N, C-alpha and C. Protein backbone atom coordinates (compact mmCIF):
# COMPACT_ATOMS: atom_id res chain seq x y z
N MET A 1 33.92 7.86 25.88
CA MET A 1 32.55 8.09 26.26
C MET A 1 31.73 8.31 24.99
N SER A 2 30.62 7.61 24.87
CA SER A 2 29.80 7.75 23.68
C SER A 2 28.97 9.03 23.76
N PRO A 3 28.64 9.59 22.58
CA PRO A 3 27.87 10.83 22.59
C PRO A 3 26.48 10.59 23.16
N ALA A 4 25.93 11.60 23.80
CA ALA A 4 24.59 11.51 24.38
C ALA A 4 23.56 11.45 23.24
N VAL A 5 22.60 10.56 23.40
CA VAL A 5 21.53 10.44 22.41
C VAL A 5 20.52 11.56 22.67
N GLN A 6 20.23 12.30 21.62
CA GLN A 6 19.25 13.38 21.75
C GLN A 6 17.89 12.86 21.33
N SER A 7 16.89 13.23 22.07
CA SER A 7 15.53 12.83 21.73
C SER A 7 15.05 13.67 20.56
N ARG A 8 14.66 13.02 19.49
CA ARG A 8 14.13 13.69 18.30
C ARG A 8 12.80 13.02 17.97
N PRO A 9 11.69 13.52 18.50
CA PRO A 9 10.40 12.88 18.25
C PRO A 9 10.07 12.73 16.77
N ASP A 10 10.46 13.69 15.95
CA ASP A 10 10.19 13.57 14.52
C ASP A 10 10.91 12.36 13.93
N VAL A 11 12.16 12.16 14.31
CA VAL A 11 12.93 11.01 13.83
C VAL A 11 12.34 9.72 14.38
N GLU A 12 11.98 9.73 15.64
CA GLU A 12 11.41 8.54 16.28
C GLU A 12 10.09 8.13 15.61
N VAL A 13 9.26 9.10 15.24
CA VAL A 13 7.99 8.79 14.56
C VAL A 13 8.26 8.05 13.26
N PHE A 14 9.19 8.56 12.46
CA PHE A 14 9.48 7.90 11.18
C PHE A 14 10.11 6.53 11.39
N GLN A 15 10.93 6.38 12.42
CA GLN A 15 11.51 5.08 12.72
C GLN A 15 10.41 4.09 13.10
N GLU A 16 9.47 4.52 13.91
CA GLU A 16 8.37 3.64 14.31
C GLU A 16 7.51 3.25 13.11
N ILE A 17 7.22 4.21 12.24
CA ILE A 17 6.44 3.92 11.04
C ILE A 17 7.16 2.89 10.17
N ALA A 18 8.46 3.05 10.00
CA ALA A 18 9.25 2.11 9.19
C ALA A 18 9.24 0.71 9.79
N VAL A 19 9.38 0.63 11.09
CA VAL A 19 9.40 -0.69 11.75
C VAL A 19 8.02 -1.33 11.67
N ILE A 20 6.96 -0.56 11.88
CA ILE A 20 5.60 -1.08 11.77
C ILE A 20 5.36 -1.62 10.37
N GLU A 21 5.76 -0.85 9.35
CA GLU A 21 5.56 -1.29 7.97
C GLU A 21 6.35 -2.57 7.70
N HIS A 22 7.55 -2.66 8.20
CA HIS A 22 8.37 -3.85 8.01
C HIS A 22 7.71 -5.08 8.62
N PHE A 23 7.27 -4.98 9.87
CA PHE A 23 6.65 -6.13 10.53
C PHE A 23 5.33 -6.51 9.86
N MET A 24 4.56 -5.55 9.41
CA MET A 24 3.30 -5.85 8.72
C MET A 24 3.58 -6.56 7.40
N ARG A 25 4.54 -6.06 6.64
CA ARG A 25 4.91 -6.68 5.37
C ARG A 25 5.40 -8.11 5.58
N MET A 26 6.25 -8.31 6.58
CA MET A 26 6.78 -9.65 6.85
C MET A 26 5.66 -10.61 7.27
N ALA A 27 4.74 -10.13 8.08
CA ALA A 27 3.62 -10.97 8.53
C ALA A 27 2.77 -11.42 7.35
N ILE A 28 2.53 -10.52 6.42
CA ILE A 28 1.72 -10.86 5.24
C ILE A 28 2.50 -11.77 4.31
N GLN A 29 3.77 -11.47 4.07
CA GLN A 29 4.57 -12.26 3.13
C GLN A 29 4.63 -13.73 3.52
N ARG A 30 4.58 -14.02 4.80
CA ARG A 30 4.62 -15.42 5.26
C ARG A 30 3.40 -16.21 4.84
N HIS A 31 2.34 -15.53 4.42
CA HIS A 31 1.09 -16.20 4.07
C HIS A 31 0.74 -16.11 2.59
N LEU A 32 1.67 -15.62 1.78
CA LEU A 32 1.40 -15.49 0.34
C LEU A 32 1.50 -16.85 -0.33
N PRO A 33 0.62 -17.11 -1.29
CA PRO A 33 0.72 -18.37 -2.03
C PRO A 33 1.97 -18.40 -2.91
N PRO A 34 2.40 -19.58 -3.31
CA PRO A 34 3.59 -19.67 -4.16
C PRO A 34 3.45 -18.79 -5.42
N GLY A 35 4.50 -18.06 -5.72
CA GLY A 35 4.52 -17.21 -6.91
C GLY A 35 4.00 -15.80 -6.68
N MET A 36 3.33 -15.57 -5.56
CA MET A 36 2.80 -14.23 -5.30
C MET A 36 3.81 -13.42 -4.50
N THR A 37 4.06 -12.21 -4.97
CA THR A 37 4.94 -11.29 -4.24
C THR A 37 4.08 -10.33 -3.44
N TYR A 38 4.73 -9.58 -2.58
CA TYR A 38 4.01 -8.58 -1.80
C TYR A 38 3.37 -7.54 -2.71
N ALA A 39 4.05 -7.16 -3.79
CA ALA A 39 3.49 -6.18 -4.74
C ALA A 39 2.21 -6.72 -5.38
N HIS A 40 2.18 -8.02 -5.69
CA HIS A 40 0.97 -8.63 -6.24
C HIS A 40 -0.16 -8.55 -5.21
N TYR A 41 0.17 -8.90 -3.97
CA TYR A 41 -0.84 -8.85 -2.92
C TYR A 41 -1.36 -7.42 -2.73
N GLU A 42 -0.46 -6.45 -2.71
CA GLU A 42 -0.88 -5.05 -2.55
C GLU A 42 -1.83 -4.62 -3.66
N ALA A 43 -1.54 -5.03 -4.89
CA ALA A 43 -2.41 -4.67 -6.02
C ALA A 43 -3.78 -5.33 -5.85
N LEU A 44 -3.80 -6.61 -5.47
CA LEU A 44 -5.08 -7.29 -5.24
C LEU A 44 -5.84 -6.60 -4.10
N GLN A 45 -5.14 -6.29 -3.02
CA GLN A 45 -5.76 -5.62 -1.87
C GLN A 45 -6.36 -4.29 -2.29
N HIS A 46 -5.63 -3.53 -3.09
CA HIS A 46 -6.12 -2.23 -3.55
C HIS A 46 -7.39 -2.42 -4.38
N MET A 47 -7.38 -3.38 -5.30
CA MET A 47 -8.54 -3.59 -6.16
C MET A 47 -9.75 -4.10 -5.37
N VAL A 48 -9.52 -4.93 -4.38
CA VAL A 48 -10.63 -5.41 -3.55
C VAL A 48 -11.22 -4.25 -2.75
N ARG A 49 -10.37 -3.40 -2.19
CA ARG A 49 -10.85 -2.28 -1.37
C ARG A 49 -11.46 -1.15 -2.20
N GLU A 50 -10.81 -0.79 -3.30
CA GLU A 50 -11.21 0.39 -4.07
C GLU A 50 -12.04 0.06 -5.31
N GLY A 51 -12.13 -1.21 -5.65
CA GLY A 51 -12.83 -1.61 -6.86
C GLY A 51 -11.86 -1.74 -8.01
N ASP A 52 -12.14 -2.70 -8.86
CA ASP A 52 -11.25 -2.87 -10.00
C ASP A 52 -11.74 -2.00 -11.15
N GLY A 53 -11.12 -2.15 -12.31
CA GLY A 53 -11.48 -1.34 -13.46
C GLY A 53 -10.61 -0.11 -13.63
N GLN A 54 -9.58 0.01 -12.80
CA GLN A 54 -8.67 1.15 -12.93
C GLN A 54 -7.67 0.89 -14.05
N THR A 55 -7.05 1.97 -14.52
CA THR A 55 -6.01 1.84 -15.53
C THR A 55 -4.69 1.52 -14.84
N PRO A 56 -3.71 1.01 -15.59
CA PRO A 56 -2.39 0.79 -14.99
C PRO A 56 -1.79 2.06 -14.38
N VAL A 57 -2.00 3.20 -15.01
CA VAL A 57 -1.47 4.46 -14.47
C VAL A 57 -2.14 4.80 -13.15
N GLN A 58 -3.45 4.62 -13.07
CA GLN A 58 -4.15 4.88 -11.81
C GLN A 58 -3.65 3.96 -10.70
N LEU A 59 -3.45 2.69 -11.03
CA LEU A 59 -2.93 1.75 -10.05
C LEU A 59 -1.51 2.13 -9.63
N ALA A 60 -0.67 2.50 -10.60
CA ALA A 60 0.70 2.90 -10.28
C ALA A 60 0.71 4.10 -9.34
N ASN A 61 -0.14 5.08 -9.61
CA ASN A 61 -0.21 6.26 -8.74
C ASN A 61 -0.69 5.88 -7.35
N ALA A 62 -1.70 5.05 -7.27
CA ALA A 62 -2.25 4.64 -5.97
C ALA A 62 -1.24 3.85 -5.16
N MET A 63 -0.40 3.07 -5.84
CA MET A 63 0.56 2.21 -5.16
C MET A 63 1.95 2.83 -5.07
N LEU A 64 2.06 4.09 -5.51
CA LEU A 64 3.33 4.83 -5.46
C LEU A 64 4.43 4.09 -6.21
N MET A 65 4.10 3.63 -7.40
CA MET A 65 5.05 2.91 -8.26
C MET A 65 5.16 3.64 -9.58
N SER A 66 6.25 3.38 -10.29
CA SER A 66 6.36 3.91 -11.65
C SER A 66 5.43 3.10 -12.56
N LYS A 67 5.07 3.68 -13.69
CA LYS A 67 4.21 2.96 -14.63
C LYS A 67 4.90 1.69 -15.12
N ALA A 68 6.21 1.76 -15.35
CA ALA A 68 6.96 0.59 -15.82
C ALA A 68 6.93 -0.52 -14.77
N ALA A 69 7.14 -0.18 -13.52
CA ALA A 69 7.11 -1.19 -12.46
C ALA A 69 5.71 -1.78 -12.33
N MET A 70 4.69 -0.94 -12.43
CA MET A 70 3.31 -1.43 -12.34
C MET A 70 3.00 -2.34 -13.51
N THR A 71 3.46 -2.00 -14.69
CA THR A 71 3.24 -2.84 -15.88
C THR A 71 3.85 -4.21 -15.66
N ASN A 72 5.05 -4.26 -15.11
CA ASN A 72 5.72 -5.53 -14.82
C ASN A 72 4.90 -6.35 -13.83
N VAL A 73 4.43 -5.73 -12.77
CA VAL A 73 3.62 -6.42 -11.76
C VAL A 73 2.34 -6.95 -12.40
N LEU A 74 1.68 -6.12 -13.21
CA LEU A 74 0.42 -6.54 -13.84
C LEU A 74 0.62 -7.67 -14.83
N GLN A 75 1.71 -7.64 -15.58
CA GLN A 75 1.98 -8.73 -16.52
C GLN A 75 2.13 -10.06 -15.79
N LYS A 76 2.84 -10.05 -14.68
CA LYS A 76 3.02 -11.28 -13.90
C LYS A 76 1.71 -11.73 -13.26
N MET A 77 0.91 -10.79 -12.82
CA MET A 77 -0.38 -11.13 -12.23
C MET A 77 -1.33 -11.70 -13.28
N GLU A 78 -1.26 -11.16 -14.49
CA GLU A 78 -2.10 -11.68 -15.58
C GLU A 78 -1.66 -13.10 -15.94
N GLN A 79 -0.36 -13.34 -15.99
CA GLN A 79 0.15 -14.69 -16.27
C GLN A 79 -0.30 -15.69 -15.21
N ALA A 80 -0.39 -15.23 -13.96
CA ALA A 80 -0.82 -16.10 -12.87
C ALA A 80 -2.34 -16.29 -12.86
N GLY A 81 -3.05 -15.48 -13.64
CA GLY A 81 -4.50 -15.60 -13.72
C GLY A 81 -5.25 -14.80 -12.67
N TRP A 82 -4.57 -13.91 -11.95
CA TRP A 82 -5.21 -13.15 -10.88
C TRP A 82 -5.95 -11.92 -11.39
N ILE A 83 -5.58 -11.43 -12.57
CA ILE A 83 -6.23 -10.27 -13.16
C ILE A 83 -6.44 -10.51 -14.64
N ALA A 84 -7.31 -9.70 -15.22
CA ALA A 84 -7.48 -9.65 -16.67
C ALA A 84 -7.23 -8.21 -17.10
N VAL A 85 -6.48 -8.04 -18.16
CA VAL A 85 -6.20 -6.71 -18.71
C VAL A 85 -7.10 -6.56 -19.94
N LEU A 86 -8.02 -5.61 -19.87
CA LEU A 86 -9.02 -5.44 -20.91
C LEU A 86 -8.91 -4.06 -21.54
N ALA A 87 -9.34 -3.95 -22.78
CA ALA A 87 -9.37 -2.66 -23.45
C ALA A 87 -10.47 -1.81 -22.83
N ASP A 88 -10.18 -0.52 -22.67
CA ASP A 88 -11.19 0.43 -22.18
C ASP A 88 -12.23 0.59 -23.27
N THR A 89 -13.50 0.44 -22.93
CA THR A 89 -14.56 0.52 -23.95
C THR A 89 -14.74 1.93 -24.50
N SER A 90 -14.40 2.96 -23.71
CA SER A 90 -14.58 4.33 -24.20
C SER A 90 -13.32 4.89 -24.86
N ASP A 91 -12.16 4.33 -24.55
CA ASP A 91 -10.90 4.79 -25.13
C ASP A 91 -10.02 3.58 -25.34
N ARG A 92 -10.01 3.05 -26.53
CA ARG A 92 -9.30 1.80 -26.83
C ARG A 92 -7.79 1.88 -26.60
N ARG A 93 -7.24 3.08 -26.44
CA ARG A 93 -5.81 3.20 -26.16
C ARG A 93 -5.48 2.82 -24.73
N LYS A 94 -6.46 2.91 -23.85
CA LYS A 94 -6.25 2.61 -22.44
C LYS A 94 -6.61 1.16 -22.14
N LYS A 95 -6.06 0.68 -21.06
CA LYS A 95 -6.38 -0.66 -20.56
C LYS A 95 -7.06 -0.50 -19.20
N ARG A 96 -7.90 -1.45 -18.88
CA ARG A 96 -8.55 -1.50 -17.57
C ARG A 96 -8.21 -2.84 -16.93
N ILE A 97 -7.97 -2.81 -15.65
CA ILE A 97 -7.56 -4.01 -14.93
C ILE A 97 -8.74 -4.53 -14.13
N ARG A 98 -9.07 -5.78 -14.34
CA ARG A 98 -10.15 -6.45 -13.61
C ARG A 98 -9.57 -7.61 -12.82
N ILE A 99 -10.01 -7.76 -11.60
CA ILE A 99 -9.58 -8.88 -10.78
C ILE A 99 -10.42 -10.10 -11.18
N THR A 100 -9.78 -11.24 -11.28
CA THR A 100 -10.48 -12.47 -11.68
C THR A 100 -10.94 -13.24 -10.43
N ARG A 101 -11.74 -14.26 -10.66
CA ARG A 101 -12.16 -15.13 -9.56
C ARG A 101 -10.94 -15.73 -8.89
N SER A 102 -9.94 -16.13 -9.68
CA SER A 102 -8.70 -16.68 -9.12
C SER A 102 -7.98 -15.65 -8.26
N GLY A 103 -7.99 -14.39 -8.68
CA GLY A 103 -7.37 -13.32 -7.90
C GLY A 103 -8.11 -13.09 -6.60
N LEU A 104 -9.44 -13.10 -6.66
CA LEU A 104 -10.23 -12.95 -5.44
C LEU A 104 -9.98 -14.11 -4.48
N ASP A 105 -9.89 -15.32 -5.03
CA ASP A 105 -9.63 -16.50 -4.19
C ASP A 105 -8.25 -16.43 -3.55
N ALA A 106 -7.24 -16.00 -4.33
CA ALA A 106 -5.88 -15.88 -3.80
C ALA A 106 -5.83 -14.83 -2.69
N HIS A 107 -6.50 -13.72 -2.91
CA HIS A 107 -6.55 -12.66 -1.89
C HIS A 107 -7.24 -13.18 -0.63
N ALA A 108 -8.36 -13.85 -0.80
CA ALA A 108 -9.10 -14.39 0.34
C ALA A 108 -8.28 -15.42 1.11
N SER A 109 -7.48 -16.21 0.41
CA SER A 109 -6.67 -17.22 1.10
C SER A 109 -5.60 -16.57 1.98
N VAL A 110 -5.04 -15.46 1.51
CA VAL A 110 -4.07 -14.73 2.33
C VAL A 110 -4.76 -14.18 3.58
N LEU A 111 -5.93 -13.60 3.39
CA LEU A 111 -6.64 -13.04 4.53
C LEU A 111 -7.02 -14.12 5.54
N ARG A 112 -7.44 -15.29 5.05
CA ARG A 112 -7.77 -16.40 5.96
C ARG A 112 -6.55 -16.83 6.76
N ALA A 113 -5.42 -16.97 6.09
CA ALA A 113 -4.19 -17.40 6.77
C ALA A 113 -3.70 -16.35 7.76
N PHE A 114 -3.95 -15.10 7.45
CA PHE A 114 -3.48 -13.98 8.26
C PHE A 114 -4.49 -13.60 9.36
N ARG A 115 -5.67 -14.18 9.31
CA ARG A 115 -6.77 -13.75 10.18
C ARG A 115 -6.41 -13.73 11.67
N TRP A 116 -5.74 -14.77 12.15
CA TRP A 116 -5.45 -14.81 13.58
C TRP A 116 -4.57 -13.64 14.01
N LYS A 117 -3.70 -13.19 13.11
CA LYS A 117 -2.85 -12.03 13.42
C LYS A 117 -3.68 -10.74 13.43
N SER A 118 -4.61 -10.63 12.49
CA SER A 118 -5.50 -9.47 12.47
C SER A 118 -6.37 -9.43 13.72
N ASP A 119 -6.88 -10.60 14.09
CA ASP A 119 -7.71 -10.67 15.30
C ASP A 119 -6.90 -10.29 16.54
N ALA A 120 -5.66 -10.76 16.62
CA ALA A 120 -4.80 -10.43 17.76
C ALA A 120 -4.55 -8.92 17.81
N LEU A 121 -4.32 -8.31 16.66
CA LEU A 121 -4.10 -6.86 16.60
C LEU A 121 -5.33 -6.11 17.09
N ARG A 122 -6.50 -6.52 16.62
CA ARG A 122 -7.74 -5.85 17.02
C ARG A 122 -8.05 -6.04 18.50
N SER A 123 -7.62 -7.15 19.07
CA SER A 123 -7.89 -7.34 20.50
C SER A 123 -6.84 -6.64 21.37
N ALA A 124 -5.68 -6.35 20.81
CA ALA A 124 -4.62 -5.68 21.58
C ALA A 124 -4.84 -4.16 21.65
N PHE A 125 -5.51 -3.61 20.66
CA PHE A 125 -5.74 -2.16 20.60
C PHE A 125 -7.21 -1.90 20.32
N THR A 126 -7.72 -0.83 20.89
CA THR A 126 -9.13 -0.51 20.69
C THR A 126 -9.32 0.24 19.37
N GLU A 127 -10.55 0.24 18.91
CA GLU A 127 -10.88 1.00 17.71
C GLU A 127 -10.60 2.48 17.94
N ALA A 128 -10.86 2.95 19.16
CA ALA A 128 -10.61 4.36 19.49
C ALA A 128 -9.12 4.69 19.38
N GLU A 129 -8.25 3.77 19.78
CA GLU A 129 -6.81 4.02 19.67
C GLU A 129 -6.40 4.17 18.21
N PHE A 130 -6.93 3.30 17.36
CA PHE A 130 -6.63 3.43 15.93
C PHE A 130 -7.20 4.74 15.39
N ARG A 131 -8.44 5.06 15.75
CA ARG A 131 -9.08 6.28 15.27
C ARG A 131 -8.31 7.52 15.74
N ASP A 132 -7.84 7.50 16.98
CA ASP A 132 -7.10 8.66 17.50
C ASP A 132 -5.75 8.86 16.80
N ALA A 133 -5.16 7.80 16.29
CA ALA A 133 -3.87 7.91 15.59
C ALA A 133 -4.04 8.47 14.17
N LEU A 134 -5.21 8.30 13.59
CA LEU A 134 -5.41 8.66 12.19
C LEU A 134 -5.22 10.14 11.85
N PRO A 135 -5.75 11.09 12.61
CA PRO A 135 -5.58 12.50 12.19
C PRO A 135 -4.12 12.91 12.02
N PHE A 136 -3.27 12.54 12.97
CA PHE A 136 -1.85 12.88 12.84
C PHE A 136 -1.23 12.18 11.64
N LEU A 137 -1.49 10.88 11.48
CA LEU A 137 -0.89 10.14 10.38
C LEU A 137 -1.35 10.67 9.02
N LYS A 138 -2.63 11.00 8.90
CA LYS A 138 -3.13 11.56 7.64
C LYS A 138 -2.52 12.93 7.36
N ALA A 139 -2.43 13.78 8.39
CA ALA A 139 -1.83 15.10 8.21
C ALA A 139 -0.36 14.97 7.81
N LEU A 140 0.34 14.03 8.42
CA LEU A 140 1.75 13.79 8.09
C LEU A 140 1.88 13.34 6.63
N ARG A 141 1.00 12.42 6.20
CA ARG A 141 1.04 11.94 4.81
C ARG A 141 0.79 13.09 3.84
N VAL A 142 -0.24 13.89 4.09
CA VAL A 142 -0.56 15.01 3.20
C VAL A 142 0.60 16.00 3.14
N PHE A 143 1.19 16.30 4.29
CA PHE A 143 2.33 17.21 4.33
C PHE A 143 3.48 16.66 3.47
N LEU A 144 3.77 15.37 3.64
CA LEU A 144 4.86 14.77 2.87
C LEU A 144 4.54 14.72 1.38
N GLU A 145 3.29 14.50 1.02
CA GLU A 145 2.89 14.56 -0.39
C GLU A 145 3.14 15.95 -0.95
N ASP A 146 2.75 16.97 -0.18
CA ASP A 146 2.92 18.35 -0.63
C ASP A 146 4.38 18.70 -0.85
N ILE A 147 5.24 18.34 0.10
CA ILE A 147 6.64 18.72 -0.07
C ILE A 147 7.37 17.82 -1.05
N SER A 148 6.83 16.63 -1.30
CA SER A 148 7.52 15.74 -2.24
C SER A 148 7.36 16.23 -3.68
N VAL A 149 6.29 16.96 -3.96
CA VAL A 149 6.09 17.46 -5.32
C VAL A 149 6.63 18.88 -5.49
N ALA A 150 6.99 19.53 -4.39
CA ALA A 150 7.54 20.88 -4.47
C ALA A 150 8.92 20.82 -5.13
N THR A 151 9.17 21.74 -6.05
CA THR A 151 10.45 21.74 -6.76
C THR A 151 11.47 22.67 -6.14
N ASP A 152 11.02 23.72 -5.49
CA ASP A 152 11.93 24.67 -4.87
C ASP A 152 11.60 24.79 -3.39
N ALA A 153 12.61 25.17 -2.62
CA ALA A 153 12.37 25.43 -1.20
C ALA A 153 11.43 26.62 -1.08
N PRO A 154 10.45 26.53 -0.20
CA PRO A 154 9.51 27.65 -0.07
C PRO A 154 10.18 28.85 0.60
N ALA A 155 9.65 30.02 0.29
CA ALA A 155 10.15 31.24 0.91
C ALA A 155 9.80 31.26 2.41
N VAL A 156 8.69 30.63 2.75
CA VAL A 156 8.28 30.51 4.15
C VAL A 156 8.00 29.03 4.42
N ALA A 157 7.97 28.68 5.66
CA ALA A 157 7.77 27.28 6.04
C ALA A 157 6.36 26.82 5.64
N PHE A 158 6.24 25.53 5.33
CA PHE A 158 4.93 24.94 5.06
C PHE A 158 4.12 24.94 6.34
N HIS A 159 2.85 25.16 6.20
CA HIS A 159 1.94 25.07 7.35
C HIS A 159 0.81 24.14 6.96
N ARG A 160 0.25 23.50 7.98
CA ARG A 160 -0.89 22.65 7.69
C ARG A 160 -2.16 23.29 8.14
């Protein structure tokens, strides 16, 4: 006789998040132009949404990557012509990343190819459903950020 499965909503939430992320990543990867990886697309997406001109360290932090991994991604993106790496005008030791016209076009082509899937998602769920999910997801993210940087177990439980 197999052991009884216990309901663990906390475990189920993380499983659902992982599966959602996997399906979203796979859906986008199917529409990437030749030579573009998901990491390249994520960097372009971040720069389009948040504005370019960030440093490699800022991008690495935003994308939850090491500086070395981000440097590798940026070098390949620069070789492909999607970004330009420029010296910071106020501090020549720093670099600033700018998205190029080619990068904007590559990003737009992915969005065009992916559009029908985005439209299907928006028609399957209401804006209110997405909005209602956000407070819990944001609180969960902040909580995980807080405990991920903690070095010792707290004397008392974390509270939000």
